[in-house]
Amino acid sequence: MFYQLKMFSRFLFIAFACIAPVSCNAQTGDAKQKDSQRAVFVKYGCYECHGYEGQGAETGPRLAPDPLPLEAFMYYVRHPARRMPPYAPSVLPDEDLEEIYQYLLSRSAAQAVDDIPLLAARKE
């Protein structure tokens, strides 16, 4: 009986090992769209100043999860007032800029410091 159980558990392990990569890589349309939007964000180098999640850094302000309204966002990217270079439509098409905007909208708010045990412990 023990031998049969051991063999059955090996069978299950092998079966799941073969199936898991297929099911784990299958993405919903929404996930593929978010990956596509993130790729555009990275392609134009937005992450270099604003971080991969639009969370901001020393080099650029926080953009996500609540960016400016779309029209204001697009205007600012085309006519920045500070250190950011202007992105003309010939360099960054409106369609890609809208993808970047949708990516920023999809980002979730950062977790509060007090909700992160390791950081909360450092405060004490």
Protein backbone atom coordinates (compact mmCIF):
# COMPACT_ATOMS: atom_id res chain seq x y z
CA MET A 1 0.00 0.00 0.00
CA PHE A 2 2.78 2.45 0.92
CA TYR A 3 4.59 1.71 -2.36
CA GLN A 4 1.41 2.41 -4.35
CA LEU A 5 0.86 5.69 -2.51
CA LYS A 6 4.46 6.68 -3.13
CA MET A 7 4.16 5.88 -6.84
CA PHE A 8 0.86 7.77 -7.08
CA SER A 9 2.39 10.86 -5.44
CA ARG A 10 5.27 10.74 -7.95
CA PHE A 11 2.77 10.47 -10.77
CA LEU A 12 0.89 13.52 -9.48
CA PHE A 13 4.11 15.49 -9.12
CA ILE A 14 5.16 14.70 -12.70
CA ALA A 15 1.66 15.42 -14.02
CA PHE A 16 1.49 18.81 -12.32
CA ALA A 17 5.05 19.65 -13.33
CA CYS A 18 4.06 19.11 -16.96
CA ILE A 19 0.77 21.00 -16.74
CA ALA A 20 1.76 23.91 -14.49
CA PRO A 21 3.95 25.83 -16.98
CA VAL A 22 1.14 25.89 -19.52
CA SER A 23 -1.48 27.10 -17.07
CA CYS A 24 0.85 29.57 -15.35
CA ASN A 25 1.84 31.22 -18.64
CA ALA A 26 -1.71 31.54 -19.89
CA GLN A 27 -2.67 35.16 -19.34
CA THR A 28 -5.99 36.86 -19.56
CA GLY A 29 -6.45 39.60 -22.13
CA ASP A 30 -6.32 42.16 -19.32
CA ALA A 31 -2.95 40.88 -18.09
CA LYS A 32 -1.53 40.91 -21.63
CA GLN A 33 -2.78 44.45 -22.09
CA LYS A 34 -1.13 45.57 -18.85
CA ASP A 35 2.12 43.90 -19.92
CA SER A 36 1.88 45.71 -23.24
CA GLN A 37 1.26 49.04 -21.51
CA ARG A 38 4.20 48.44 -19.17
CA ALA A 39 6.40 47.63 -22.17
CA VAL A 40 5.54 51.02 -23.72
CA PHE A 41 6.29 52.75 -20.39
CA VAL A 42 9.71 51.07 -20.36
CA LYS A 43 10.35 51.52 -24.10
CA TYR A 44 10.25 55.30 -23.83
CA GLY A 45 12.38 55.33 -20.68
CA CYS A 46 9.71 56.66 -18.32
CA TYR A 47 10.91 54.23 -15.64
CA GLU A 48 14.33 55.87 -15.58
CA CYS A 49 12.98 58.91 -13.75
CA HIS A 50 9.59 57.78 -12.45
CA GLY A 51 10.35 54.19 -11.40
CA TYR A 52 8.92 51.00 -12.91
CA GLU A 53 5.58 51.48 -11.16
CA GLY A 54 5.39 55.24 -11.68
CA GLN A 55 6.08 55.58 -7.95
CA GLY A 56 8.56 58.42 -8.44
CA ALA A 57 12.21 58.78 -7.53
CA GLU A 58 14.77 61.49 -6.87
CA THR A 59 14.82 62.18 -10.61
CA GLY A 60 11.09 62.40 -11.25
CA PRO A 61 7.78 62.80 -9.42
CA ARG A 62 5.23 60.13 -8.60
CA LEU A 63 2.83 59.57 -11.49
CA ALA A 64 0.74 56.64 -10.30
CA PRO A 65 -1.76 55.55 -9.20
CA ASP A 66 -3.53 58.89 -9.68
CA PRO A 67 -2.00 60.68 -12.67
CA LEU A 68 -3.18 64.04 -13.93
CA PRO A 69 -6.30 63.99 -16.13
CA LEU A 70 -5.44 62.62 -19.58
CA GLU A 71 -5.48 65.97 -21.40
CA ALA A 72 -3.25 67.62 -18.78
CA PHE A 73 -0.93 64.61 -18.75
CA MET A 74 -0.56 64.66 -22.53
CA TYR A 75 0.01 68.42 -22.57
CA TYR A 76 2.68 68.20 -19.86
CA VAL A 77 4.56 65.43 -21.66
CA ARG A 78 4.60 67.57 -24.81
CA HIS A 79 5.42 70.84 -22.97
CA PRO A 80 7.17 70.04 -19.67
CA ALA A 81 8.02 72.86 -17.29
CA ARG A 82 10.97 71.30 -15.47
CA ARG A 83 13.86 68.92 -16.15
CA MET A 84 11.82 66.49 -18.24
CA PRO A 85 12.57 66.66 -21.95
CA PRO A 86 9.64 67.39 -24.27
CA TYR A 87 8.30 64.39 -26.18
CA ALA A 88 7.00 65.46 -29.57
CA PRO A 89 4.35 63.33 -31.29
CA SER A 90 7.00 62.25 -33.81
CA VAL A 91 9.00 60.72 -30.93
CA LEU A 92 6.13 59.51 -28.72
CA PRO A 93 2.89 59.00 -30.67
CA ASP A 94 -0.42 59.85 -28.98
CA GLU A 95 -1.44 56.16 -29.03
CA ASP A 96 1.66 55.18 -27.05
CA LEU A 97 1.21 58.10 -24.68
CA GLU A 98 -2.34 56.91 -23.99
CA GLU A 99 -0.99 53.39 -23.32
CA ILE A 100 1.43 54.87 -20.79
CA TYR A 101 -1.43 56.75 -19.18
CA GLN A 102 -3.53 53.58 -18.94
CA TYR A 103 -0.57 51.78 -17.37
CA LEU A 104 -0.28 54.49 -14.72
CA LEU A 105 -4.01 54.25 -14.01
CA SER A 106 -3.69 50.49 -13.51
CA ARG A 107 -1.06 50.78 -10.78
CA SER A 108 -2.30 50.18 -7.27
CA ALA A 109 -1.59 52.48 -4.38
CA ALA A 110 1.51 51.74 -2.34
CA GLN A 111 1.09 49.83 0.89
CA ALA A 112 1.25 51.98 4.02
CA VAL A 113 4.55 51.76 5.87
CA ASP A 114 2.76 50.71 9.06
CA ASP A 115 1.25 47.73 7.19
CA ILE A 116 4.69 46.35 6.27
CA PRO A 117 5.93 44.43 9.33
CA LEU A 118 9.64 44.90 8.70
CA LEU A 119 9.31 48.65 8.21
CA ALA A 120 6.85 49.06 11.06
CA ALA A 121 9.33 47.30 13.36
CA ARG A 122 12.07 49.76 12.40
CA LYS A 123 9.89 52.68 13.50
CA GLU A 124 9.71 51.35 17.05
